[in-house]
Structure formats: C-alpha cells, structure tokens
Amino acid sequence: MGEETVKVVDATGSFCPGPLMELIAQLRDAEIGDVLELLSSDKGSAQDVPVWINKVGHEMLGSEEKDGVWHIRVRKVK
C-alpha cells in the first residue's frame, strides 16, 4: 500500500456549523479510505466533529490544537 492521501479542509475563520458543513461536503466527494484533516479555528469543532463522525460511522483519527487552530483527522469508511 502506498502513502495514504490526506485531504486538507481549511475552514479556519469559519464558525459552527461552517467547519462541519465543509467537512461533510468534502467527505461526500472523498473515496473510502481517504483521510481528511479539518483545520478549524472554532473550538466548537473539537466537540461537534467527533460526535457527528461517531454518529454517521466514520473513523475519528484524532484532533489536536496548534497555535489556535484545531487539526481534526477523519477517515472515510463507507
């Protein structure tokens, strides 16, 4: 298997539910197995995105904050 592709979804400067809406739109176009990294300056995304990901059945890979920007990684599994 090759290096996994990470698609960056830059939603910095956008506020809830904007970042989640952008992630949903990108997931719709992604292939199964793709990893998306949402960049969000809205700290609400750190709570909202994992809840939504678990609800719809994708895989939450982790999230961390760097310099006021959340990096939330998700794998599309279906």
PDB file of N, CA and C in Angstrom:
ATOM      1  N   MET A   1       0.846  -1.203   0.000  1.00  0.00           N
ATOM      2  CA  MET A   1       0.000   0.000   0.000  1.00  0.00           C
ATOM      3  C   MET A   1       0.873   1.241   0.000  1.00  0.00           C
ATOM      4  N   GLY A   2       0.458   2.243  -0.739  1.00  0.00           N
ATOM      5  CA  GLY A   2       1.209   3.491  -0.810  1.00  0.00           C
ATOM      6  C   GLY A   2       0.888   4.408   0.349  1.00  0.00           C
ATOM      7  N   GLU A   3       1.504   5.549   0.307  1.00  0.00           N
ATOM      8  CA  GLU A   3       1.261   6.574   1.327  1.00  0.00           C
ATOM      9  C   GLU A   3      -0.199   6.998   1.248  1.00  0.00           C
ATOM     10  N   GLU A   4      -0.860   7.085   2.407  1.00  0.00           N
ATOM     11  CA  GLU A   4      -2.260   7.496   2.368  1.00  0.00           C
ATOM     12  C   GLU A   4      -2.355   8.979   2.028  1.00  0.00           C
ATOM     13  N   THR A   5      -3.372   9.307   1.278  1.00  0.00           N
ATOM     14  CA  THR A   5      -3.599  10.684   0.880  1.00  0.00           C
ATOM     15  C   THR A   5      -4.375  11.391   1.977  1.00  0.00           C
ATOM     16  N   VAL A   6      -3.902  12.558   2.364  1.00  0.00           N
ATOM     17  CA  VAL A   6      -4.620  13.372   3.338  1.00  0.00           C
ATOM     18  C   VAL A   6      -5.121  14.614   2.621  1.00  0.00           C
ATOM     19  N   LYS A   7      -6.431  14.788   2.622  1.00  0.00           N
ATOM     20  CA  LYS A   7      -7.029  15.977   2.028  1.00  0.00           C
ATOM     21  C   LYS A   7      -7.259  16.997   3.124  1.00  0.00           C
ATOM     22  N   VAL A   8      -6.680  18.175   2.954  1.00  0.00           N
ATOM     23  CA  VAL A   8      -6.837  19.222   3.958  1.00  0.00           C
ATOM     24  C   VAL A   8      -8.085  20.035   3.643  1.00  0.00           C
ATOM     25  N   VAL A   9      -8.947  20.197   4.652  1.00  0.00           N
ATOM     26  CA  VAL A   9     -10.156  21.011   4.545  1.00  0.00           C
ATOM     27  C   VAL A   9      -9.924  22.231   5.434  1.00  0.00           C
ATOM     28  N   ASP A  10      -9.565  23.353   4.822  1.00  0.00           N
ATOM     29  CA  ASP A  10      -9.220  24.547   5.594  1.00  0.00           C
ATOM     30  C   ASP A  10     -10.468  25.379   5.861  1.00  0.00           C
ATOM     31  N   ALA A  11     -10.959  25.298   7.107  1.00  0.00           N
ATOM     32  CA  ALA A  11     -12.152  26.051   7.494  1.00  0.00           C
ATOM     33  C   ALA A  11     -11.800  27.085   8.558  1.00  0.00           C
ATOM     34  N   THR A  12     -10.521  27.487   8.625  1.00  0.00           N
ATOM     35  CA  THR A  12     -10.144  28.496   9.609  1.00  0.00           C
ATOM     36  C   THR A  12     -10.885  29.792   9.285  1.00  0.00           C
ATOM     37  N   GLY A  13     -11.328  30.460  10.311  1.00  0.00           N
ATOM     38  CA  GLY A  13     -12.079  31.697  10.119  1.00  0.00           C
ATOM     39  C   GLY A  13     -13.572  31.472   9.968  1.00  0.00           C
ATOM     40  N   SER A  14     -13.979  30.215   9.830  1.00  0.00           N
ATOM     41  CA  SER A  14     -15.389  29.861   9.709  1.00  0.00           C
ATOM     42  C   SER A  14     -15.881  29.398  11.082  1.00  0.00           C
ATOM     43  N   PHE A  15     -17.145  29.666  11.385  1.00  0.00           N
ATOM     44  CA  PHE A  15     -17.680  29.282  12.696  1.00  0.00           C
ATOM     45  C   PHE A  15     -18.801  28.278  12.533  1.00  0.00           C
ATOM     46  N   CYS A  16     -19.045  27.524  13.610  1.00  0.00           N
ATOM     47  CA  CYS A  16     -20.065  26.479  13.609  1.00  0.00           C
ATOM     48  C   CYS A  16     -21.372  27.005  13.030  1.00  0.00           C
ATOM     49  N   PRO A  17     -22.024  26.229  12.169  1.00  0.00           N
ATOM     50  CA  PRO A  17     -21.625  24.875  11.766  1.00  0.00           C
ATOM     51  C   PRO A  17     -20.765  24.847  10.507  1.00  0.00           C
ATOM     52  N   GLY A  18     -20.185  25.963  10.132  1.00  0.00           N
ATOM     53  CA  GLY A  18     -19.413  26.045   8.886  1.00  0.00           C
ATOM     54  C   GLY A  18     -18.350  24.980   8.712  1.00  0.00           C
ATOM     55  N   PRO A  19     -17.428  24.815   9.688  1.00  0.00           N
ATOM     56  CA  PRO A  19     -16.381  23.807   9.502  1.00  0.00           C
ATOM     57  C   PRO A  19     -16.932  22.397   9.300  1.00  0.00           C
ATOM     58  N   LEU A  20     -17.952  22.024  10.070  1.00  0.00           N
ATOM     59  CA  LEU A  20     -18.546  20.698   9.918  1.00  0.00           C
ATOM     60  C   LEU A  20     -19.207  20.557   8.552  1.00  0.00           C
ATOM     61  N   MET A  21     -19.885  21.603   8.089  1.00  0.00           N
ATOM     62  CA  MET A  21     -20.524  21.564   6.769  1.00  0.00           C
ATOM     63  C   MET A  21     -19.472  21.381   5.669  1.00  0.00           C
ATOM     64  N   GLU A  22     -18.339  22.069   5.801  1.00  0.00           N
ATOM     65  CA  GLU A  22     -17.268  21.921   4.805  1.00  0.00           C
ATOM     66  C   GLU A  22     -16.705  20.502   4.828  1.00  0.00           C
ATOM     67  N   LEU A  23     -16.531  19.943   6.038  1.00  0.00           N
ATOM     68  CA  LEU A  23     -16.034  18.572   6.147  1.00  0.00           C
ATOM     69  C   LEU A  23     -17.013  17.583   5.517  1.00  0.00           C
ATOM     70  N   ILE A  24     -18.305  17.764   5.781  1.00  0.00           N
ATOM     71  CA  ILE A  24     -19.323  16.865   5.222  1.00  0.00           C
ATOM     72  C   ILE A  24     -19.284  16.907   3.697  1.00  0.00           C
ATOM     73  N   ALA A  25     -19.178  18.103   3.134  1.00  0.00           N
ATOM     74  CA  ALA A  25     -19.130  18.243   1.671  1.00  0.00           C
ATOM     75  C   ALA A  25     -17.905  17.527   1.097  1.00  0.00           C
ATOM     76  N   GLN A  26     -16.761  17.659   1.756  1.00  0.00           N
ATOM     77  CA  GLN A  26     -15.536  17.008   1.270  1.00  0.00           C
ATOM     78  C   GLN A  26     -15.607  15.493   1.445  1.00  0.00           C
ATOM     79  N   LEU A  27     -16.206  15.027   2.539  1.00  0.00           N
ATOM     80  CA  LEU A  27     -16.357  13.582   2.745  1.00  0.00           C
ATOM     81  C   LEU A  27     -17.229  12.970   1.657  1.00  0.00           C
ATOM     82  N   ARG A  28     -18.241  13.702   1.244  1.00  0.00           N
ATOM     83  CA  ARG A  28     -19.147  13.202   0.214  1.00  0.00           C
ATOM     84  C   ARG A  28     -18.378  12.893  -1.069  1.00  0.00           C
ATOM     85  N   ASP A  29     -17.389  13.739  -1.382  1.00  0.00           N
ATOM     86  CA  ASP A  29     -16.615  13.571  -2.617  1.00  0.00           C
ATOM     87  C   ASP A  29     -15.408  12.653  -2.461  1.00  0.00           C
ATOM     88  N   ALA A  30     -15.054  12.316  -1.214  1.00  0.00           N
ATOM     89  CA  ALA A  30     -13.857  11.510  -0.954  1.00  0.00           C
ATOM     90  C   ALA A  30     -14.102  10.038  -1.267  1.00  0.00           C
ATOM     91  N   GLU A  31     -13.019   9.314  -1.452  1.00  0.00           N
ATOM     92  CA  GLU A  31     -13.083   7.868  -1.648  1.00  0.00           C
ATOM     93  C   GLU A  31     -13.025   7.177  -0.284  1.00  0.00           C
ATOM     94  N   ILE A  32     -13.585   5.962  -0.204  1.00  0.00           N
ATOM     95  CA  ILE A  32     -13.486   5.186   1.027  1.00  0.00           C
ATOM     96  C   ILE A  32     -12.013   4.947   1.338  1.00  0.00           C
ATOM     97  N   GLY A  33     -11.636   5.179   2.582  1.00  0.00           N
ATOM     98  CA  GLY A  33     -10.245   5.030   2.995  1.00  0.00           C
ATOM     99  C   GLY A  33      -9.479   6.344   3.019  1.00  0.00           C
ATOM    100  N   ASP A  34     -10.017   7.377   2.369  1.00  0.00           N
ATOM    101  CA  ASP A  34      -9.349   8.681   2.377  1.00  0.00           C
ATOM    102  C   ASP A  34      -9.330   9.273   3.773  1.00  0.00           C
ATOM    103  N   VAL A  35      -8.275  10.007   4.067  1.00  0.00           N
ATOM    104  CA  VAL A  35      -8.151  10.722   5.326  1.00  0.00           C
ATOM    105  C   VAL A  35      -8.316  12.210   5.037  1.00  0.00           C
ATOM    106  N   LEU A  36      -9.169  12.849   5.815  1.00  0.00           N
ATOM    107  CA  LEU A  36      -9.364  14.290   5.696  1.00  0.00           C
ATOM    108  C   LEU A  36      -8.902  14.946   6.980  1.00  0.00           C
ATOM    109  N   GLU A  37      -8.232  16.070   6.843  1.00  0.00           N
ATOM    110  CA  GLU A  37      -7.801  16.834   8.007  1.00  0.00           C
ATOM    111  C   GLU A  37      -8.491  18.184   7.962  1.00  0.00           C
ATOM    112  N   LEU A  38      -9.398  18.375   8.905  1.00  0.00           N
ATOM    113  CA  LEU A  38     -10.133  19.638   9.006  1.00  0.00           C
ATOM    114  C   LEU A  38      -9.321  20.611   9.839  1.00  0.00           C
ATOM    115  N   LEU A  39      -9.086  21.800   9.300  1.00  0.00           N
ATOM    116  CA  LEU A  39      -8.439  22.875  10.041  1.00  0.00           C
ATOM    117  C   LEU A  39      -9.523  23.855  10.440  1.00  0.00           C
ATOM    118  N   SER A  40      -9.673  24.065  11.744  1.00  0.00           N
ATOM    119  CA  SER A  40     -10.735  24.937  12.232  1.00  0.00           C
ATOM    120  C   SER A  40     -10.243  25.789  13.386  1.00  0.00           C
ATOM    121  N   SER A  41     -10.536  27.087  13.318  1.00  0.00           N
ATOM    122  CA  SER A  41     -10.197  27.973  14.431  1.00  0.00           C
ATOM    123  C   SER A  41     -11.364  28.078  15.412  1.00  0.00           C
ATOM    124  N   ASP A  42     -12.468  27.373  15.132  1.00  0.00           N
ATOM    125  CA  ASP A  42     -13.636  27.358  16.016  1.00  0.00           C
ATOM    126  C   ASP A  42     -13.507  26.175  16.970  1.00  0.00           C
ATOM    127  N   LYS A  43     -13.272  26.479  18.268  1.00  0.00           N
ATOM    128  CA  LYS A  43     -13.053  25.373  19.216  1.00  0.00           C
ATOM    129  C   LYS A  43     -14.268  24.470  19.351  1.00  0.00           C
ATOM    130  N   GLY A  44     -15.453  24.937  18.968  1.00  0.00           N
ATOM    131  CA  GLY A  44     -16.639  24.085  18.990  1.00  0.00           C
ATOM    132  C   GLY A  44     -16.497  22.876  18.079  1.00  0.00           C
ATOM    133  N   SER A  45     -15.692  23.021  17.021  1.00  0.00           N
ATOM    134  CA  SER A  45     -15.484  21.905  16.094  1.00  0.00           C
ATOM    135  C   SER A  45     -14.849  20.711  16.796  1.00  0.00           C
ATOM    136  N   ALA A  46     -14.025  20.964  17.797  1.00  0.00           N
ATOM    137  CA  ALA A  46     -13.348  19.873  18.507  1.00  0.00           C
ATOM    138  C   ALA A  46     -14.348  18.974  19.217  1.00  0.00           C
ATOM    139  N   GLN A  47     -15.522  19.525  19.585  1.00  0.00           N
ATOM    140  CA  GLN A  47     -16.566  18.709  20.198  1.00  0.00           C
ATOM    141  C   GLN A  47     -17.560  18.204  19.148  1.00  0.00           C
ATOM    142  N   ASP A  48     -17.947  19.078  18.221  1.00  0.00           N
ATOM    143  CA  ASP A  48     -19.010  18.751  17.272  1.00  0.00           C
ATOM    144  C   ASP A  48     -18.606  17.683  16.259  1.00  0.00           C
ATOM    145  N   VAL A  49     -17.403  17.802  15.728  1.00  0.00           N
ATOM    146  CA  VAL A  49     -16.980  16.884  14.668  1.00  0.00           C
ATOM    147  C   VAL A  49     -16.905  15.441  15.162  1.00  0.00           C
ATOM    148  N   PRO A  50     -16.236  15.155  16.307  1.00  0.00           N
ATOM    149  CA  PRO A  50     -16.207  13.747  16.763  1.00  0.00           C
ATOM    150  C   PRO A  50     -17.596  13.171  17.020  1.00  0.00           C
ATOM    151  N   VAL A  51     -18.509  13.968  17.546  1.00  0.00           N
ATOM    152  CA  VAL A  51     -19.873  13.493  17.791  1.00  0.00           C
ATOM    153  C   VAL A  51     -20.527  13.105  16.471  1.00  0.00           C
ATOM    154  N   TRP A  52     -20.397  13.965  15.460  1.00  0.00           N
ATOM    155  CA  TRP A  52     -21.007  13.682  14.154  1.00  0.00           C
ATOM    156  C   TRP A  52     -20.357  12.467  13.504  1.00  0.00           C
ATOM    157  N   ILE A  53     -19.018  12.391  13.558  1.00  0.00           N
ATOM    158  CA  ILE A  53     -18.289  11.270  12.948  1.00  0.00           C
ATOM    159  C   ILE A  53     -18.748   9.947  13.551  1.00  0.00           C
ATOM    160  N   ASN A  54     -18.872   9.892  14.882  1.00  0.00           N
ATOM    161  CA  ASN A  54     -19.330   8.659  15.536  1.00  0.00           C
ATOM    162  C   ASN A  54     -20.766   8.331  15.151  1.00  0.00           C
ATOM    163  N   LYS A  55     -21.589   9.366  15.016  1.00  0.00           N
ATOM    164  CA  LYS A  55     -22.999   9.157  14.686  1.00  0.00           C
ATOM    165  C   LYS A  55     -23.156   8.562  13.291  1.00  0.00           C
ATOM    166  N   VAL A  56     -22.366   9.039  12.336  1.00  0.00           N
ATOM    167  CA  VAL A  56     -22.524   8.568  10.960  1.00  0.00           C
ATOM    168  C   VAL A  56     -21.640   7.374  10.611  1.00  0.00           C
ATOM    169  N   GLY A  57     -20.700   7.018  11.518  1.00  0.00           N
ATOM    170  CA  GLY A  57     -19.944   5.788  11.329  1.00  0.00           C
ATOM    171  C   GLY A  57     -18.623   5.906  10.595  1.00  0.00           C
ATOM    172  N   HIS A  58     -18.030   7.091  10.543  1.00  0.00           N
ATOM    173  CA  HIS A  58     -16.678   7.203  10.002  1.00  0.00           C
ATOM    174  C   HIS A  58     -15.692   7.014  11.146  1.00  0.00           C
ATOM    175  N   GLU A  59     -14.402   7.078  10.857  1.00  0.00           N
ATOM    176  CA  GLU A  59     -13.377   6.817  11.873  1.00  0.00           C
ATOM    177  C   GLU A  59     -12.690   8.113  12.276  1.00  0.00           C
ATOM    178  N   MET A  60     -12.746   8.415  13.563  1.00  0.00           N
ATOM    179  CA  MET A  60     -12.068   9.589  14.114  1.00  0.00           C
ATOM    180  C   MET A  60     -10.622   9.199  14.367  1.00  0.00           C
ATOM    181  N   LEU A  61      -9.664   9.894  13.763  1.00  0.00           N
ATOM    182  CA  LEU A  61      -8.252   9.550  13.915  1.00  0.00           C
ATOM    183  C   LEU A  61      -7.559  10.392  14.975  1.00  0.00           C
ATOM    184  N   GLY A  62      -8.167  11.509  15.336  1.00  0.00           N
ATOM    185  CA  GLY A  62      -7.572  12.318  16.382  1.00  0.00           C
ATOM    186  C   GLY A  62      -7.737  13.800  16.112  1.00  0.00           C
ATOM    187  N   SER A  63      -7.490  14.579  17.144  1.00  0.00           N
ATOM    188  CA  SER A  63      -7.529  16.023  16.971  1.00  0.00           C
ATOM    189  C   SER A  63      -6.534  16.650  17.925  1.00  0.00           C
ATOM    190  N   GLU A  64      -5.946  17.727  17.481  1.00  0.00           N
ATOM    191  CA  GLU A  64      -5.034  18.470  18.336  1.00  0.00           C
ATOM    192  C   GLU A  64      -5.091  19.938  17.956  1.00  0.00           C
ATOM    193  N   GLU A  65      -4.755  20.768  18.911  1.00  0.00           N
ATOM    194  CA  GLU A  65      -4.748  22.196  18.672  1.00  0.00           C
ATOM    195  C   GLU A  65      -3.312  22.664  18.512  1.00  0.00           C
ATOM    196  N   LYS A  66      -3.046  23.427  17.455  1.00  0.00           N
ATOM    197  CA  LYS A  66      -1.732  24.027  17.228  1.00  0.00           C
ATOM    198  C   LYS A  66      -1.944  25.498  16.942  1.00  0.00           C
ATOM    199  N   ASP A  67      -1.418  26.354  17.804  1.00  0.00           N
ATOM    200  CA  ASP A  67      -1.490  27.812  17.595  1.00  0.00           C
ATOM    201  C   ASP A  67      -2.909  28.304  17.327  1.00  0.00           C
ATOM    202  N   GLY A  68      -3.876  27.795  18.104  1.00  0.00           N
ATOM    203  CA  GLY A  68      -5.247  28.268  17.978  1.00  0.00           C
ATOM    204  C   GLY A  68      -6.041  27.655  16.836  1.00  0.00           C
ATOM    205  N   VAL A  69      -5.453  26.689  16.129  1.00  0.00           N
ATOM    206  CA  VAL A  69      -6.158  26.016  15.033  1.00  0.00           C
ATOM    207  C   VAL A  69      -6.268  24.535  15.370  1.00  0.00           C
ATOM    208  N   TRP A  70      -7.485  24.020  15.313  1.00  0.00           N
ATOM    209  CA  TRP A  70      -7.709  22.587  15.537  1.00  0.00           C
ATOM    210  C   TRP A  70      -7.417  21.820  14.258  1.00  0.00           C
ATOM    211  N   HIS A  71      -6.678  20.715  14.387  1.00  0.00           N
ATOM    212  CA  HIS A  71      -6.382  19.800  13.282  1.00  0.00           C
ATOM    213  C   HIS A  71      -7.126  18.512  13.620  1.00  0.00           C
ATOM    214  N   ILE A  72      -8.219  18.257  12.918  1.00  0.00           N
ATOM    215  CA  ILE A  72      -9.094  17.122  13.222  1.00  0.00           C
ATOM    216  C   ILE A  72      -9.027  16.150  12.050  1.00  0.00           C
ATOM    217  N   ARG A  73      -8.540  14.931  12.322  1.00  0.00           N
ATOM    218  CA  ARG A  73      -8.332  13.947  11.252  1.00  0.00           C
ATOM    219  C   ARG A  73      -9.404  12.863  11.295  1.00  0.00           C
ATOM    220  N   VAL A  74      -9.936  12.580  10.114  1.00  0.00           N
ATOM    221  CA  VAL A  74     -11.055  11.651   9.960  1.00  0.00           C
ATOM    222  C   VAL A  74     -10.777  10.736   8.766  1.00  0.00           C
ATOM    223  N   ARG A  75     -11.149   9.457   8.887  1.00  0.00           N
ATOM    224  CA  ARG A  75     -11.052   8.544   7.744  1.00  0.00           C
ATOM    225  C   ARG A  75     -12.467   8.186   7.299  1.00  0.00           C
ATOM    226  N   LYS A  76     -12.703   8.296   5.996  1.00  0.00           N
ATOM    227  CA  LYS A  76     -13.998   7.883   5.434  1.00  0.00           C
ATOM    228  C   LYS A  76     -14.014   6.362   5.346  1.00  0.00           C
ATOM    229  N   VAL A  77     -15.017   5.735   5.956  1.00  0.00           N
ATOM    230  CA  VAL A  77     -15.044   4.266   5.970  1.00  0.00           C
ATOM    231  C   VAL A  77     -16.250   3.674   5.245  1.00  0.00           C
ATOM    232  N   LYS A  78     -17.115   4.521   4.711  1.00  0.00           N
ATOM    233  CA  LYS A  78     -18.257   3.960   3.981  1.00  0.00           C
ATOM    234  C   LYS A  78     -18.743   4.932   2.933  1.00  0.00           C
TER     235      LYS A  78
END
